[in-house]
Amino acid sequence: MAYIRLPEGLPGIAGPMAFRPETAKPLNELAEILLQGPSTLARGERELIAAYVSSRNDCFF
């Protein structure tokens, strides 16, 4: 099984993002567009969807 040594104290996706900042940058930009860009959904609705999907993936933030 592959293993990557991640920085201590960074829970969830924060650890892998700190490990590969060149990959984290476009992923963070995408998340920013999806959560705050123009949409027919309100920002709160998009946040609620993201929180629900995260909970279904056992990823609590």
PDB file of N, CA and C in Angstrom:
ATOM      1  N   MET A   1       0.841  -1.178   0.000  1.00  0.00           N
ATOM      2  CA  MET A   1       0.000   0.000   0.000  1.00  0.00           C
ATOM      3  C   MET A   1       0.888   1.244   0.000  1.00  0.00           C
ATOM      4  N   ALA A   2       0.525   2.213  -0.812  1.00  0.00           N
ATOM      5  CA  ALA A   2       1.298   3.452  -0.893  1.00  0.00           C
ATOM      6  C   ALA A   2       1.186   4.237   0.403  1.00  0.00           C
ATOM      7  N   TYR A   3       2.226   4.975   0.731  1.00  0.00           N
ATOM      8  CA  TYR A   3       2.234   5.780   1.948  1.00  0.00           C
ATOM      9  C   TYR A   3       2.885   7.117   1.649  1.00  0.00           C
ATOM     10  N   ILE A   4       2.258   8.173   2.120  1.00  0.00           N
ATOM     11  CA  ILE A   4       2.802   9.522   1.984  1.00  0.00           C
ATOM     12  C   ILE A   4       2.907  10.114   3.375  1.00  0.00           C
ATOM     13  N   ARG A   5       4.070  10.608   3.730  1.00  0.00           N
ATOM     14  CA  ARG A   5       4.235  11.268   5.022  1.00  0.00           C
ATOM     15  C   ARG A   5       3.645  12.671   4.930  1.00  0.00           C
ATOM     16  N   LEU A   6       2.570  12.896   5.704  1.00  0.00           N
ATOM     17  CA  LEU A   6       1.869  14.179   5.678  1.00  0.00           C
ATOM     18  C   LEU A   6       2.261  15.022   6.884  1.00  0.00           C
ATOM     19  N   PRO A   7       2.143  16.341   6.756  1.00  0.00           N
ATOM     20  CA  PRO A   7       2.438  17.221   7.887  1.00  0.00           C
ATOM     21  C   PRO A   7       1.512  16.923   9.065  1.00  0.00           C
ATOM     22  N   GLU A   8       2.037  17.040  10.265  1.00  0.00           N
ATOM     23  CA  GLU A   8       1.248  16.827  11.481  1.00  0.00           C
ATOM     24  C   GLU A   8       0.256  17.970  11.675  1.00  0.00           C
ATOM     25  N   GLY A   9      -0.885  17.655  12.279  1.00  0.00           N
ATOM     26  CA  GLY A   9      -1.842  18.684  12.687  1.00  0.00           C
ATOM     27  C   GLY A   9      -2.717  19.240  11.584  1.00  0.00           C
ATOM     28  N   LEU A  10      -2.705  18.609  10.406  1.00  0.00           N
ATOM     29  CA  LEU A  10      -3.566  19.079   9.320  1.00  0.00           C
ATOM     30  C   LEU A  10      -4.590  17.994   9.022  1.00  0.00           C
ATOM     31  N   PRO A  11      -5.810  18.145   9.525  1.00  0.00           N
ATOM     32  CA  PRO A  11      -6.834  17.107   9.359  1.00  0.00           C
ATOM     33  C   PRO A  11      -7.420  17.082   7.952  1.00  0.00           C
ATOM     34  N   GLY A  12      -8.064  15.977   7.638  1.00  0.00           N
ATOM     35  CA  GLY A  12      -8.802  15.850   6.382  1.00  0.00           C
ATOM     36  C   GLY A  12      -7.943  16.087   5.163  1.00  0.00           C
ATOM     37  N   ILE A  13      -8.483  16.831   4.230  1.00  0.00           N
ATOM     38  CA  ILE A  13      -7.813  17.084   2.960  1.00  0.00           C
ATOM     39  C   ILE A  13      -6.662  18.077   3.097  1.00  0.00           C
ATOM     40  N   ALA A  14      -6.581  18.790   4.210  1.00  0.00           N
ATOM     41  CA  ALA A  14      -5.536  19.803   4.394  1.00  0.00           C
ATOM     42  C   ALA A  14      -4.134  19.193   4.331  1.00  0.00           C
ATOM     43  N   GLY A  15      -3.959  17.987   4.861  1.00  0.00           N
ATOM     44  CA  GLY A  15      -2.649  17.328   4.828  1.00  0.00           C
ATOM     45  C   GLY A  15      -2.173  17.047   3.417  1.00  0.00           C
ATOM     46  N   PRO A  16      -2.972  16.344   2.599  1.00  0.00           N
ATOM     47  CA  PRO A  16      -2.553  16.107   1.221  1.00  0.00           C
ATOM     48  C   PRO A  16      -2.376  17.397   0.415  1.00  0.00           C
ATOM     49  N   MET A  17      -3.194  18.404   0.715  1.00  0.00           N
ATOM     50  CA  MET A  17      -3.044  19.671  -0.010  1.00  0.00           C
ATOM     51  C   MET A  17      -1.730  20.353   0.348  1.00  0.00           C
ATOM     52  N   ALA A  18      -1.314  20.250   1.605  1.00  0.00           N
ATOM     53  CA  ALA A  18      -0.031  20.824   2.009  1.00  0.00           C
ATOM     54  C   ALA A  18       1.128  20.042   1.395  1.00  0.00           C
ATOM     55  N   PHE A  19       0.926  18.733   1.195  1.00  0.00           N
ATOM     56  CA  PHE A  19       1.964  17.885   0.614  1.00  0.00           C
ATOM     57  C   PHE A  19       2.229  18.249  -0.842  1.00  0.00           C
ATOM     58  N   ARG A  20       1.172  18.588  -1.592  1.00  0.00           N
ATOM     59  CA  ARG A  20       1.315  18.911  -3.012  1.00  0.00           C
ATOM     60  C   ARG A  20       0.643  20.250  -3.329  1.00  0.00           C
ATOM     61  N   PRO A  21       1.279  21.371  -2.957  1.00  0.00           N
ATOM     62  CA  PRO A  21       0.638  22.678  -3.179  1.00  0.00           C
ATOM     63  C   PRO A  21       0.363  22.980  -4.654  1.00  0.00           C
ATOM     64  N   GLU A  22       1.157  22.423  -5.564  1.00  0.00           N
ATOM     65  CA  GLU A  22       0.916  22.678  -6.992  1.00  0.00           C
ATOM     66  C   GLU A  22      -0.387  22.026  -7.459  1.00  0.00           C
ATOM     67  N   THR A  23      -0.811  20.973  -6.787  1.00  0.00           N
ATOM     68  CA  THR A  23      -2.089  20.339  -7.071  1.00  0.00           C
ATOM     69  C   THR A  23      -3.203  21.012  -6.278  1.00  0.00           C
ATOM     70  N   ALA A  24      -2.889  21.438  -5.069  1.00  0.00           N
ATOM     71  CA  ALA A  24      -3.886  22.062  -4.198  1.00  0.00           C
ATOM     72  C   ALA A  24      -4.409  23.375  -4.783  1.00  0.00           C
ATOM     73  N   LYS A  25      -3.549  24.140  -5.431  1.00  0.00           N
ATOM     74  CA  LYS A  25      -3.954  25.452  -5.941  1.00  0.00           C
ATOM     75  C   LYS A  25      -5.136  25.358  -6.911  1.00  0.00           C
ATOM     76  N   PRO A  26      -5.065  24.544  -7.978  1.00  0.00           N
ATOM     77  CA  PRO A  26      -6.232  24.491  -8.867  1.00  0.00           C
ATOM     78  C   PRO A  26      -7.460  23.857  -8.210  1.00  0.00           C
ATOM     79  N   LEU A  27      -7.260  22.920  -7.289  1.00  0.00           N
ATOM     80  CA  LEU A  27      -8.404  22.333  -6.593  1.00  0.00           C
ATOM     81  C   LEU A  27      -9.093  23.366  -5.708  1.00  0.00           C
ATOM     82  N   ASN A  28      -8.310  24.187  -5.014  1.00  0.00           N
ATOM     83  CA  ASN A  28      -8.886  25.251  -4.190  1.00  0.00           C
ATOM     84  C   ASN A  28      -9.601  26.289  -5.049  1.00  0.00           C
ATOM     85  N   GLU A  29      -9.028  26.600  -6.217  1.00  0.00           N
ATOM     86  CA  GLU A  29      -9.676  27.549  -7.122  1.00  0.00           C
ATOM     87  C   GLU A  29     -11.006  26.999  -7.626  1.00  0.00           C
ATOM     88  N   LEU A  30     -11.043  25.701  -7.946  1.00  0.00           N
ATOM     89  CA  LEU A  30     -12.289  25.073  -8.386  1.00  0.00           C
ATOM     90  C   LEU A  30     -13.342  25.137  -7.281  1.00  0.00           C
ATOM     91  N   ALA A  31     -12.951  24.790  -6.067  1.00  0.00           N
ATOM     92  CA  ALA A  31     -13.888  24.836  -4.937  1.00  0.00           C
ATOM     93  C   ALA A  31     -14.422  26.251  -4.736  1.00  0.00           C
ATOM     94  N   GLU A  32     -13.551  27.232  -4.885  1.00  0.00           N
ATOM     95  CA  GLU A  32     -13.962  28.633  -4.725  1.00  0.00           C
ATOM     96  C   GLU A  32     -14.994  29.019  -5.783  1.00  0.00           C
ATOM     97  N   ILE A  33     -14.776  28.591  -7.016  1.00  0.00           N
ATOM     98  CA  ILE A  33     -15.722  28.887  -8.098  1.00  0.00           C
ATOM     99  C   ILE A  33     -17.056  28.191  -7.839  1.00  0.00           C
ATOM    100  N   LEU A  34     -16.989  26.918  -7.440  1.00  0.00           N
ATOM    101  CA  LEU A  34     -18.229  26.167  -7.210  1.00  0.00           C
ATOM    102  C   LEU A  34     -19.034  26.722  -6.046  1.00  0.00           C
ATOM    103  N   LEU A  35     -18.344  27.184  -4.993  1.00  0.00           N
ATOM    104  CA  LEU A  35     -19.056  27.657  -3.804  1.00  0.00           C
ATOM    105  C   LEU A  35     -19.406  29.132  -3.856  1.00  0.00           C
ATOM    106  N   GLN A  36     -18.655  29.928  -4.631  1.00  0.00           N
ATOM    107  CA  GLN A  36     -18.903  31.359  -4.587  1.00  0.00           C
ATOM    108  C   GLN A  36     -19.132  32.006  -5.947  1.00  0.00           C
ATOM    109  N   GLY A  37     -18.962  31.243  -7.028  1.00  0.00           N
ATOM    110  CA  GLY A  37     -19.163  31.798  -8.363  1.00  0.00           C
ATOM    111  C   GLY A  37     -20.636  31.960  -8.688  1.00  0.00           C
ATOM    112  N   PRO A  38     -20.929  32.507  -9.840  1.00  0.00           N
ATOM    113  CA  PRO A  38     -22.321  32.684 -10.264  1.00  0.00           C
ATOM    114  C   PRO A  38     -23.061  31.343 -10.296  1.00  0.00           C
ATOM    115  N   SER A  39     -24.278  31.327  -9.799  1.00  0.00           N
ATOM    116  CA  SER A  39     -25.054  30.090  -9.732  1.00  0.00           C
ATOM    117  C   SER A  39     -26.517  30.410  -9.485  1.00  0.00           C
ATOM    118  N   THR A  40     -27.376  29.456  -9.833  1.00  0.00           N
ATOM    119  CA  THR A  40     -28.794  29.591  -9.510  1.00  0.00           C
ATOM    120  C   THR A  40     -29.058  29.219  -8.056  1.00  0.00           C
ATOM    121  N   LEU A  41     -28.066  28.596  -7.393  1.00  0.00           N
ATOM    122  CA  LEU A  41     -28.181  28.250  -5.974  1.00  0.00           C
ATOM    123  C   LEU A  41     -27.549  29.337  -5.123  1.00  0.00           C
ATOM    124  N   ALA A  42     -28.146  29.599  -3.977  1.00  0.00           N
ATOM    125  CA  ALA A  42     -27.561  30.545  -3.022  1.00  0.00           C
ATOM    126  C   ALA A  42     -26.281  29.932  -2.433  1.00  0.00           C
ATOM    127  N   ARG A  43     -25.401  30.784  -1.948  1.00  0.00           N
ATOM    128  CA  ARG A  43     -24.160  30.293  -1.359  1.00  0.00           C
ATOM    129  C   ARG A  43     -24.438  29.316  -0.211  1.00  0.00           C
ATOM    130  N   GLY A  44     -25.418  29.631   0.614  1.00  0.00           N
ATOM    131  CA  GLY A  44     -25.770  28.756   1.729  1.00  0.00           C
ATOM    132  C   GLY A  44     -26.242  27.388   1.263  1.00  0.00           C
ATOM    133  N   GLU A  45     -26.990  27.364   0.160  1.00  0.00           N
ATOM    134  CA  GLU A  45     -27.448  26.085  -0.388  1.00  0.00           C
ATOM    135  C   GLU A  45     -26.266  25.251  -0.875  1.00  0.00           C
ATOM    136  N   ARG A  46     -25.309  25.906  -1.509  1.00  0.00           N
ATOM    137  CA  ARG A  46     -24.123  25.190  -1.989  1.00  0.00           C
ATOM    138  C   ARG A  46     -23.292  24.675  -0.821  1.00  0.00           C
ATOM    139  N   GLU A  47     -23.164  25.473   0.227  1.00  0.00           N
ATOM    140  CA  GLU A  47     -22.434  25.033   1.427  1.00  0.00           C
ATOM    141  C   GLU A  47     -23.131  23.839   2.070  1.00  0.00           C
ATOM    142  N   LEU A  48     -24.451  23.880   2.114  1.00  0.00           N
ATOM    143  CA  LEU A  48     -25.216  22.770   2.685  1.00  0.00           C
ATOM    144  C   LEU A  48     -25.016  21.487   1.881  1.00  0.00           C
ATOM    145  N   ILE A  49     -25.022  21.586   0.561  1.00  0.00           N
ATOM    146  CA  ILE A  49     -24.762  20.423  -0.288  1.00  0.00           C
ATOM    147  C   ILE A  49     -23.360  19.883  -0.024  1.00  0.00           C
ATOM    148  N   ALA A  50     -22.374  20.762   0.049  1.00  0.00           N
ATOM    149  CA  ALA A  50     -20.993  20.334   0.312  1.00  0.00           C
ATOM    150  C   ALA A  50     -20.881  19.647   1.671  1.00  0.00           C
ATOM    151  N   ALA A  51     -21.546  20.189   2.675  1.00  0.00           N
ATOM    152  CA  ALA A  51     -21.498  19.583   4.014  1.00  0.00           C
ATOM    153  C   ALA A  51     -22.164  18.209   4.002  1.00  0.00           C
ATOM    154  N   TYR A  52     -23.271  18.078   3.290  1.00  0.00           N
ATOM    155  CA  TYR A  52     -23.964  16.793   3.213  1.00  0.00           C
ATOM    156  C   TYR A  52     -23.097  15.744   2.514  1.00  0.00           C
ATOM    157  N   VAL A  53     -22.523  16.104   1.380  1.00  0.00           N
ATOM    158  CA  VAL A  53     -21.666  15.163   0.652  1.00  0.00           C
ATOM    159  C   VAL A  53     -20.479  14.757   1.511  1.00  0.00           C
ATOM    160  N   SER A  54     -19.873  15.716   2.200  1.00  0.00           N
ATOM    161  CA  SER A  54     -18.746  15.406   3.082  1.00  0.00           C
ATOM    162  C   SER A  54     -19.162  14.431   4.180  1.00  0.00           C
ATOM    163  N   SER A  55     -20.331  14.643   4.758  1.00  0.00           N
ATOM    164  CA  SER A  55     -20.785  13.748   5.828  1.00  0.00           C
ATOM    165  C   SER A  55     -21.038  12.344   5.289  1.00  0.00           C
ATOM    166  N   ARG A  56     -21.570  12.239   4.079  1.00  0.00           N
ATOM    167  CA  ARG A  56     -21.801  10.921   3.466  1.00  0.00           C
ATOM    168  C   ARG A  56     -20.484  10.207   3.178  1.00  0.00           C
ATOM    169  N   ASN A  57     -19.414  10.994   2.998  1.00  0.00           N
ATOM    170  CA  ASN A  57     -18.079  10.435   2.776  1.00  0.00           C
ATOM    171  C   ASN A  57     -17.304  10.249   4.079  1.00  0.00           C
ATOM    172  N   ASP A  58     -18.003  10.393   5.219  1.00  0.00           N
ATOM    173  CA  ASP A  58     -17.363  10.307   6.534  1.00  0.00           C
ATOM    174  C   ASP A  58     -16.212  11.297   6.681  1.00  0.00           C
ATOM    175  N   CYS A  59     -16.376  12.475   6.075  1.00  0.00           N
ATOM    176  CA  CYS A  59     -15.380  13.541   6.167  1.00  0.00           C
ATOM    177  C   CYS A  59     -16.044  14.702   6.893  1.00  0.00           C
ATOM    178  N   PHE A  60     -15.730  14.850   8.163  1.00  0.00           N
ATOM    179  CA  PHE A  60     -16.370  15.874   8.977  1.00  0.00           C
ATOM    180  C   PHE A  60     -15.448  17.072   9.141  1.00  0.00           C
ATOM    181  N   PHE A  61     -15.987  18.250   8.917  1.00  0.00           N
ATOM    182  CA  PHE A  61     -15.192  19.461   9.028  1.00  0.00           C
ATOM    183  C   PHE A  61     -15.916  20.483   9.855  1.00  0.00           C
TER     184      PHE A  61
END
